[in-house]
Amino acid sequence: MTQFFETTQGILVLGAMIGAGCFAAGTIIPNAFRWASAERFRKSKGDARGAAMLTVLALDDFVGASYAAVHDTPEFNPINDGEFAFHVPDPTLVLPSGQDLSVLGEELLEEILWLSNRVTNLSNALDVLDLSRPGFDSFFERREEGYAVLGAKAMDLIERLLAEFDVRLPDKPDYYRQREGFAAILQNAGERQLRRIKLTPKVEPEPGGSNITQLFPKTGGDAD
């Protein structure tokens, strides 16, 4: 058999076989690389889309909880008007656990994490208000405005995720207009702030004096 390849015809056949093998390798290997690359891209895109959908659902849950919270009228104890209770719990943002959200991109990941942190900060800030002060230290107004702002921000993030990763939310009833509800609350908050500014008297400093309140009484020559 080997003697055949020593003849002129055998050499030609062998050359043809080698050429065909090289051609096949040159065709198959690049195609294999392209297929593997396309498969990785599809998997990466699928992972990102799945993470986006889970994040959208988490944000939507927070939006619903915020909408319920800002429309929740507290119930006061008829025996003790300083004691009250809400009908719904404070909103919390629970991001998908065990999910790599970095596949959403650095910018979106950062904004989502910042929103989660702002939700925690608002809850902590409301906890330190002195409810024994007149008007409950504006607790109800600050709570309402705070969750309206964060709810609206979450809706903005949802819209970006829906557009960028081609996902969609289930349809909601036509009368459930969350964005309009948040906007109305923020408008009322702005109007309250304007009224407060107008009603607050301006304190003019005395000529030659200081508008800084002294913490300690003056003594000696300074008391004159």
C-alpha atoms as a PDB file:
ATOM      1  CA  MET A   1       0.000   0.000   0.000  1.00  0.00           C
ATOM      2  CA  THR A   2       2.817   2.375   0.841  1.00  0.00           C
ATOM      3  CA  GLN A   3       4.421   1.670  -2.527  1.00  0.00           C
ATOM      4  CA  PHE A   4       1.419   3.284  -4.217  1.00  0.00           C
ATOM      5  CA  PHE A   5       2.190   6.634  -2.591  1.00  0.00           C
ATOM      6  CA  GLU A   6       5.747   6.405  -3.956  1.00  0.00           C
ATOM      7  CA  THR A   7       4.423   6.586  -7.515  1.00  0.00           C
ATOM      8  CA  THR A   8       3.566   9.832  -9.270  1.00  0.00           C
ATOM      9  CA  GLN A   9      -0.129   9.047  -9.114  1.00  0.00           C
ATOM     10  CA  GLY A  10       0.083   8.209  -5.416  1.00  0.00           C
ATOM     11  CA  ILE A  11       1.900  11.460  -4.674  1.00  0.00           C
ATOM     12  CA  LEU A  12      -0.824  13.395  -6.448  1.00  0.00           C
ATOM     13  CA  VAL A  13      -3.540  11.537  -4.532  1.00  0.00           C
ATOM     14  CA  LEU A  14      -1.735  12.130  -1.218  1.00  0.00           C
ATOM     15  CA  GLY A  15      -1.352  15.820  -2.004  1.00  0.00           C
ATOM     16  CA  ALA A  16      -5.033  16.049  -2.830  1.00  0.00           C
ATOM     17  CA  MET A  17      -5.923  14.347   0.460  1.00  0.00           C
ATOM     18  CA  ILE A  18      -3.702  16.688   2.455  1.00  0.00           C
ATOM     19  CA  GLY A  19      -5.151  19.697   0.645  1.00  0.00           C
ATOM     20  CA  ALA A  20      -8.706  18.516   1.331  1.00  0.00           C
ATOM     21  CA  GLY A  21      -7.847  17.951   4.977  1.00  0.00           C
ATOM     22  CA  CYS A  22      -6.367  21.411   5.327  1.00  0.00           C
ATOM     23  CA  PHE A  23      -9.393  22.930   3.622  1.00  0.00           C
ATOM     24  CA  ALA A  24     -11.741  21.046   5.933  1.00  0.00           C
ATOM     25  CA  ALA A  25      -9.743  22.091   8.992  1.00  0.00           C
ATOM     26  CA  GLY A  26      -9.645  25.674   7.782  1.00  0.00           C
ATOM     27  CA  THR A  27     -13.414  25.622   7.418  1.00  0.00           C
ATOM     28  CA  ILE A  28     -14.412  23.655  10.516  1.00  0.00           C
ATOM     29  CA  ILE A  29     -12.130  25.269  13.107  1.00  0.00           C
ATOM     30  CA  PRO A  30     -13.166  28.911  12.489  1.00  0.00           C
ATOM     31  CA  ASN A  31     -16.803  27.796  12.388  1.00  0.00           C
ATOM     32  CA  ALA A  32     -16.328  25.979  15.671  1.00  0.00           C
ATOM     33  CA  PHE A  33     -14.837  29.107  17.235  1.00  0.00           C
ATOM     34  CA  ARG A  34     -17.700  31.215  15.894  1.00  0.00           C
ATOM     35  CA  TRP A  35     -20.265  28.746  17.217  1.00  0.00           C
ATOM     36  CA  ALA A  36     -18.650  28.687  20.667  1.00  0.00           C
ATOM     37  CA  SER A  37     -18.477  32.480  20.722  1.00  0.00           C
ATOM     38  CA  ALA A  38     -22.123  32.783  19.665  1.00  0.00           C
ATOM     39  CA  GLU A  39     -23.125  30.236  22.314  1.00  0.00           C
ATOM     40  CA  ARG A  40     -21.304  32.207  25.020  1.00  0.00           C
ATOM     41  CA  PHE A  41     -22.986  35.401  23.815  1.00  0.00           C
ATOM     42  CA  ARG A  42     -26.419  33.761  23.916  1.00  0.00           C
ATOM     43  CA  LYS A  43     -25.767  32.444  27.419  1.00  0.00           C
ATOM     44  CA  SER A  44     -24.499  35.845  28.607  1.00  0.00           C
ATOM     45  CA  LYS A  45     -27.496  37.589  27.072  1.00  0.00           C
ATOM     46  CA  GLY A  46     -29.831  35.030  28.602  1.00  0.00           C
ATOM     47  CA  ASP A  47     -28.240  35.479  32.034  1.00  0.00           C
ATOM     48  CA  ALA A  48     -28.563  39.260  31.778  1.00  0.00           C
ATOM     49  CA  ARG A  49     -32.184  39.030  30.656  1.00  0.00           C
ATOM     50  CA  GLY A  50     -33.020  36.643  33.503  1.00  0.00           C
ATOM     51  CA  ALA A  51     -31.339  38.906  36.060  1.00  0.00           C
ATOM     52  CA  ALA A  52     -33.171  41.902  34.610  1.00  0.00           C
ATOM     53  CA  MET A  53     -36.536  40.163  34.885  1.00  0.00           C
ATOM     54  CA  LEU A  54     -35.953  39.132  38.506  1.00  0.00           C
ATOM     55  CA  THR A  55     -34.776  42.648  39.362  1.00  0.00           C
ATOM     56  CA  VAL A  56     -37.794  44.210  37.648  1.00  0.00           C
ATOM     57  CA  LEU A  57     -40.127  42.005  39.682  1.00  0.00           C
ATOM     58  CA  ALA A  58     -38.324  42.952  42.921  1.00  0.00           C
ATOM     59  CA  LEU A  59     -38.516  46.650  42.061  1.00  0.00           C
ATOM     60  CA  ASP A  60     -42.174  46.328  41.109  1.00  0.00           C
ATOM     61  CA  ASP A  61     -42.943  44.725  44.476  1.00  0.00           C
ATOM     62  CA  PHE A  62     -41.260  47.692  46.142  1.00  0.00           C
ATOM     63  CA  VAL A  63     -43.243  50.145  44.013  1.00  0.00           C
ATOM     64  CA  GLY A  64     -46.486  48.449  45.028  1.00  0.00           C
ATOM     65  CA  ALA A  65     -45.512  48.471  48.708  1.00  0.00           C
ATOM     66  CA  SER A  66     -44.509  52.154  48.499  1.00  0.00           C
ATOM     67  CA  TYR A  67     -47.777  53.078  46.780  1.00  0.00           C
ATOM     68  CA  ALA A  68     -49.733  51.303  49.511  1.00  0.00           C
ATOM     69  CA  ALA A  69     -47.651  52.957  52.239  1.00  0.00           C
ATOM     70  CA  VAL A  70     -48.064  56.530  51.013  1.00  0.00           C
ATOM     71  CA  HIS A  71     -51.840  56.042  50.716  1.00  0.00           C
ATOM     72  CA  ASP A  72     -52.162  54.395  54.111  1.00  0.00           C
ATOM     73  CA  THR A  73     -53.955  56.581  56.658  1.00  0.00           C
ATOM     74  CA  PRO A  74     -52.697  55.776  60.171  1.00  0.00           C
ATOM     75  CA  GLU A  75     -55.173  54.701  62.797  1.00  0.00           C
ATOM     76  CA  PHE A  76     -54.868  56.500  66.152  1.00  0.00           C
ATOM     77  CA  ASN A  77     -55.611  55.044  69.557  1.00  0.00           C
ATOM     78  CA  PRO A  78     -58.752  56.838  70.853  1.00  0.00           C
ATOM     79  CA  ILE A  79     -57.426  56.526  74.389  1.00  0.00           C
ATOM     80  CA  ASN A  80     -53.936  57.802  73.604  1.00  0.00           C
ATOM     81  CA  ASP A  81     -53.736  60.148  70.609  1.00  0.00           C
ATOM     82  CA  GLY A  82     -49.952  59.810  70.617  1.00  0.00           C
ATOM     83  CA  GLU A  83     -50.232  56.146  69.694  1.00  0.00           C
ATOM     84  CA  PHE A  84     -50.937  55.101  66.121  1.00  0.00           C
ATOM     85  CA  ALA A  85     -50.514  52.195  63.742  1.00  0.00           C
ATOM     86  CA  PHE A  86     -50.378  51.746  59.979  1.00  0.00           C
ATOM     87  CA  HIS A  87     -52.372  49.133  58.112  1.00  0.00           C
ATOM     88  CA  VAL A  88     -49.480  48.084  55.851  1.00  0.00           C
ATOM     89  CA  PRO A  89     -45.814  47.465  56.745  1.00  0.00           C
ATOM     90  CA  ASP A  90     -43.007  49.775  55.732  1.00  0.00           C
ATOM     91  CA  PRO A  91     -41.778  49.066  52.182  1.00  0.00           C
ATOM     92  CA  THR A  92     -38.600  47.053  51.784  1.00  0.00           C
ATOM     93  CA  LEU A  93     -36.564  46.384  48.655  1.00  0.00           C
ATOM     94  CA  VAL A  94     -35.505  42.735  48.473  1.00  0.00           C
ATOM     95  CA  LEU A  95     -33.156  42.201  45.531  1.00  0.00           C
ATOM     96  CA  PRO A  96     -32.856  38.725  43.953  1.00  0.00           C
ATOM     97  CA  SER A  97     -30.681  36.548  46.170  1.00  0.00           C
ATOM     98  CA  GLY A  98     -27.924  34.448  44.638  1.00  0.00           C
ATOM     99  CA  GLN A  99     -28.200  36.412  41.402  1.00  0.00           C
ATOM    100  CA  ASP A 100     -25.188  38.068  39.767  1.00  0.00           C
ATOM    101  CA  LEU A 101     -26.579  41.521  39.024  1.00  0.00           C
ATOM    102  CA  SER A 102     -23.276  42.679  37.535  1.00  0.00           C
ATOM    103  CA  VAL A 103     -24.491  41.219  34.216  1.00  0.00           C
ATOM    104  CA  LEU A 104     -26.858  44.219  34.054  1.00  0.00           C
ATOM    105  CA  GLY A 105     -23.917  46.554  33.540  1.00  0.00           C
ATOM    106  CA  GLU A 106     -21.968  48.740  35.926  1.00  0.00           C
ATOM    107  CA  GLU A 107     -24.218  51.799  35.677  1.00  0.00           C
ATOM    108  CA  LEU A 108     -27.511  49.989  36.283  1.00  0.00           C
ATOM    109  CA  LEU A 109     -26.004  47.853  39.045  1.00  0.00           C
ATOM    110  CA  GLU A 110     -24.766  50.955  40.836  1.00  0.00           C
ATOM    111  CA  GLU A 111     -28.150  52.696  40.643  1.00  0.00           C
ATOM    112  CA  ILE A 112     -30.006  49.621  41.876  1.00  0.00           C
ATOM    113  CA  LEU A 113     -27.656  49.232  44.845  1.00  0.00           C
ATOM    114  CA  TRP A 114     -27.894  52.943  45.629  1.00  0.00           C
ATOM    115  CA  LEU A 115     -31.700  52.712  45.625  1.00  0.00           C
ATOM    116  CA  SER A 116     -31.550  49.772  48.019  1.00  0.00           C
ATOM    117  CA  ASN A 117     -29.294  51.801  50.312  1.00  0.00           C
ATOM    118  CA  ARG A 118     -31.620  54.828  50.144  1.00  0.00           C
ATOM    119  CA  VAL A 119     -34.556  52.668  51.214  1.00  0.00           C
ATOM    120  CA  THR A 120     -32.620  51.544  54.278  1.00  0.00           C
ATOM    121  CA  ASN A 121     -31.496  55.103  55.044  1.00  0.00           C
ATOM    122  CA  LEU A 122     -35.064  56.424  54.890  1.00  0.00           C
ATOM    123  CA  SER A 123     -36.265  53.759  57.314  1.00  0.00           C
ATOM    124  CA  ASN A 124     -33.414  54.554  59.707  1.00  0.00           C
ATOM    125  CA  ALA A 125     -34.035  58.306  59.436  1.00  0.00           C
ATOM    126  CA  LEU A 126     -37.743  57.941  60.231  1.00  0.00           C
ATOM    127  CA  ASP A 127     -36.890  55.843  63.281  1.00  0.00           C
ATOM    128  CA  VAL A 128     -34.908  58.682  64.901  1.00  0.00           C
ATOM    129  CA  LEU A 129     -37.659  61.317  64.610  1.00  0.00           C
ATOM    130  CA  ASP A 130     -39.057  62.528  67.934  1.00  0.00           C
ATOM    131  CA  LEU A 131     -42.738  61.595  67.746  1.00  0.00           C
ATOM    132  CA  SER A 132     -43.410  63.382  71.026  1.00  0.00           C
ATOM    133  CA  ARG A 133     -42.834  66.753  69.376  1.00  0.00           C
ATOM    134  CA  PRO A 134     -45.729  68.810  67.986  1.00  0.00           C
ATOM    135  CA  GLY A 135     -46.995  67.408  64.702  1.00  0.00           C
ATOM    136  CA  PHE A 136     -45.085  64.170  65.388  1.00  0.00           C
ATOM    137  CA  ASP A 137     -41.944  65.939  64.109  1.00  0.00           C
ATOM    138  CA  SER A 138     -43.461  65.870  60.577  1.00  0.00           C
ATOM    139  CA  PHE A 139     -43.132  62.075  60.635  1.00  0.00           C
ATOM    140  CA  PHE A 140     -46.149  61.388  58.418  1.00  0.00           C
ATOM    141  CA  GLU A 141     -45.227  63.998  55.801  1.00  0.00           C
ATOM    142  CA  ARG A 142     -41.612  62.850  55.655  1.00  0.00           C
ATOM    143  CA  ARG A 143     -42.614  59.196  55.411  1.00  0.00           C
ATOM    144  CA  GLU A 144     -45.130  59.887  52.661  1.00  0.00           C
ATOM    145  CA  GLU A 145     -42.779  62.058  50.620  1.00  0.00           C
ATOM    146  CA  GLY A 146     -39.786  59.752  51.148  1.00  0.00           C
ATOM    147  CA  TYR A 147     -41.479  56.619  49.860  1.00  0.00           C
ATOM    148  CA  ALA A 148     -43.104  58.525  46.993  1.00  0.00           C
ATOM    149  CA  VAL A 149     -39.660  59.678  45.825  1.00  0.00           C
ATOM    150  CA  LEU A 150     -38.164  56.186  46.115  1.00  0.00           C
ATOM    151  CA  GLY A 151     -41.191  54.559  44.486  1.00  0.00           C
ATOM    152  CA  ALA A 152     -40.935  56.918  41.505  1.00  0.00           C
ATOM    153  CA  LYS A 153     -37.186  56.234  41.250  1.00  0.00           C
ATOM    154  CA  ALA A 154     -37.846  52.493  41.229  1.00  0.00           C
ATOM    155  CA  MET A 155     -40.339  52.971  38.387  1.00  0.00           C
ATOM    156  CA  ASP A 156     -37.674  54.827  36.385  1.00  0.00           C
ATOM    157  CA  LEU A 157     -35.258  51.910  36.862  1.00  0.00           C
ATOM    158  CA  ILE A 158     -37.949  49.435  35.826  1.00  0.00           C
ATOM    159  CA  GLU A 159     -38.539  51.314  32.580  1.00  0.00           C
ATOM    160  CA  ARG A 160     -34.807  51.293  31.789  1.00  0.00           C
ATOM    161  CA  LEU A 161     -34.522  47.561  32.460  1.00  0.00           C
ATOM    162  CA  LEU A 162     -37.583  46.794  30.340  1.00  0.00           C
ATOM    163  CA  ALA A 163     -36.209  48.759  27.407  1.00  0.00           C
ATOM    164  CA  GLU A 164     -32.596  47.595  27.619  1.00  0.00           C
ATOM    165  CA  PHE A 165     -33.209  43.866  28.155  1.00  0.00           C
ATOM    166  CA  ASP A 166     -36.455  43.416  26.232  1.00  0.00           C
ATOM    167  CA  VAL A 167     -38.545  42.204  29.156  1.00  0.00           C
ATOM    168  CA  ARG A 168     -42.071  43.177  30.126  1.00  0.00           C
ATOM    169  CA  LEU A 169     -44.213  43.340  33.224  1.00  0.00           C
ATOM    170  CA  PRO A 170     -47.641  41.758  33.538  1.00  0.00           C
ATOM    171  CA  ASP A 171     -50.458  44.170  32.737  1.00  0.00           C
ATOM    172  CA  LYS A 172     -51.959  46.148  35.601  1.00  0.00           C
ATOM    173  CA  PRO A 173     -55.519  47.487  35.996  1.00  0.00           C
ATOM    174  CA  ASP A 174     -56.081  50.780  34.187  1.00  0.00           C
ATOM    175  CA  TYR A 175     -57.104  52.508  37.409  1.00  0.00           C
ATOM    176  CA  TYR A 176     -53.856  51.511  39.164  1.00  0.00           C
ATOM    177  CA  ARG A 177     -51.891  54.597  38.151  1.00  0.00           C
ATOM    178  CA  GLN A 178     -48.901  54.440  40.448  1.00  0.00           C
ATOM    179  CA  ARG A 179     -46.782  57.098  38.780  1.00  0.00           C
ATOM    180  CA  GLU A 180     -49.620  59.614  38.831  1.00  0.00           C
ATOM    181  CA  GLY A 181     -50.204  58.816  42.510  1.00  0.00           C
ATOM    182  CA  PHE A 182     -46.569  59.420  43.418  1.00  0.00           C
ATOM    183  CA  ALA A 183     -46.511  62.641  41.375  1.00  0.00           C
ATOM    184  CA  ALA A 184     -49.596  63.982  43.178  1.00  0.00           C
ATOM    185  CA  ILE A 185     -48.029  63.306  46.578  1.00  0.00           C
ATOM    186  CA  LEU A 186     -44.778  65.011  45.618  1.00  0.00           C
ATOM    187  CA  GLN A 187     -46.696  67.998  44.283  1.00  0.00           C
ATOM    188  CA  ASN A 188     -48.552  68.310  47.596  1.00  0.00           C
ATOM    189  CA  ALA A 189     -45.244  68.035  49.448  1.00  0.00           C
ATOM    190  CA  GLY A 190     -43.790  70.861  47.346  1.00  0.00           C
ATOM    191  CA  GLU A 191     -46.801  73.051  48.031  1.00  0.00           C
ATOM    192  CA  ARG A 192     -46.521  72.395  51.773  1.00  0.00           C
ATOM    193  CA  GLN A 193     -42.869  73.374  51.670  1.00  0.00           C
ATOM    194  CA  LEU A 194     -43.687  76.646  49.897  1.00  0.00           C
ATOM    195  CA  ARG A 195     -46.371  77.497  52.462  1.00  0.00           C
ATOM    196  CA  ARG A 196     -43.957  76.715  55.274  1.00  0.00           C
ATOM    197  CA  ILE A 197     -41.338  79.023  53.771  1.00  0.00           C
ATOM    198  CA  LYS A 198     -43.863  81.857  53.409  1.00  0.00           C
ATOM    199  CA  LEU A 199     -45.108  81.478  56.995  1.00  0.00           C
ATOM    200  CA  THR A 200     -41.651  81.292  58.555  1.00  0.00           C
ATOM    201  CA  PRO A 201     -40.687  84.778  59.800  1.00  0.00           C
ATOM    202  CA  LYS A 202     -37.307  86.075  58.788  1.00  0.00           C
ATOM    203  CA  VAL A 203     -35.005  86.849  61.689  1.00  0.00           C
ATOM    204  CA  GLU A 204     -32.954  89.945  60.969  1.00  0.00           C
ATOM    205  CA  PRO A 205     -29.674  90.221  62.888  1.00  0.00           C
ATOM    206  CA  GLU A 206     -29.321  93.220  65.182  1.00  0.00           C
ATOM    207  CA  PRO A 207     -27.058  95.974  63.843  1.00  0.00           C
ATOM    208  CA  GLY A 208     -23.511  95.338  64.940  1.00  0.00           C
ATOM    209  CA  GLY A 209     -24.572  92.144  66.679  1.00  0.00           C
ATOM    210  CA  SER A 210     -24.400  88.487  65.884  1.00  0.00           C
ATOM    211  CA  ASN A 211     -27.152  86.054  64.994  1.00  0.00           C
ATOM    212  CA  ILE A 212     -25.304  83.235  66.751  1.00  0.00           C
ATOM    213  CA  THR A 213     -26.991  82.118  69.969  1.00  0.00           C
ATOM    214  CA  GLN A 214     -24.573  82.042  72.898  1.00  0.00           C
ATOM    215  CA  LEU A 215     -24.348  78.628  74.497  1.00  0.00           C
ATOM    216  CA  PHE A 216     -22.888  79.878  77.787  1.00  0.00           C
ATOM    217  CA  PRO A 217     -23.676  83.065  79.805  1.00  0.00           C
ATOM    218  CA  LYS A 218     -21.212  85.884  79.580  1.00  0.00           C
ATOM    219  CA  THR A 219     -19.112  86.648  82.638  1.00  0.00           C
ATOM    220  CA  GLY A 220     -16.964  89.494  83.855  1.00  0.00           C
ATOM    221  CA  GLY A 221     -16.353  92.302  81.415  1.00  0.00           C
ATOM    222  CA  ASP A 222     -18.021  90.394  78.596  1.00  0.00           C
ATOM    223  CA  ALA A 223     -21.379  90.659  80.387  1.00  0.00           C
ATOM    224  CA  ASP A 224     -21.537  94.457  79.874  1.00  0.00           C
END
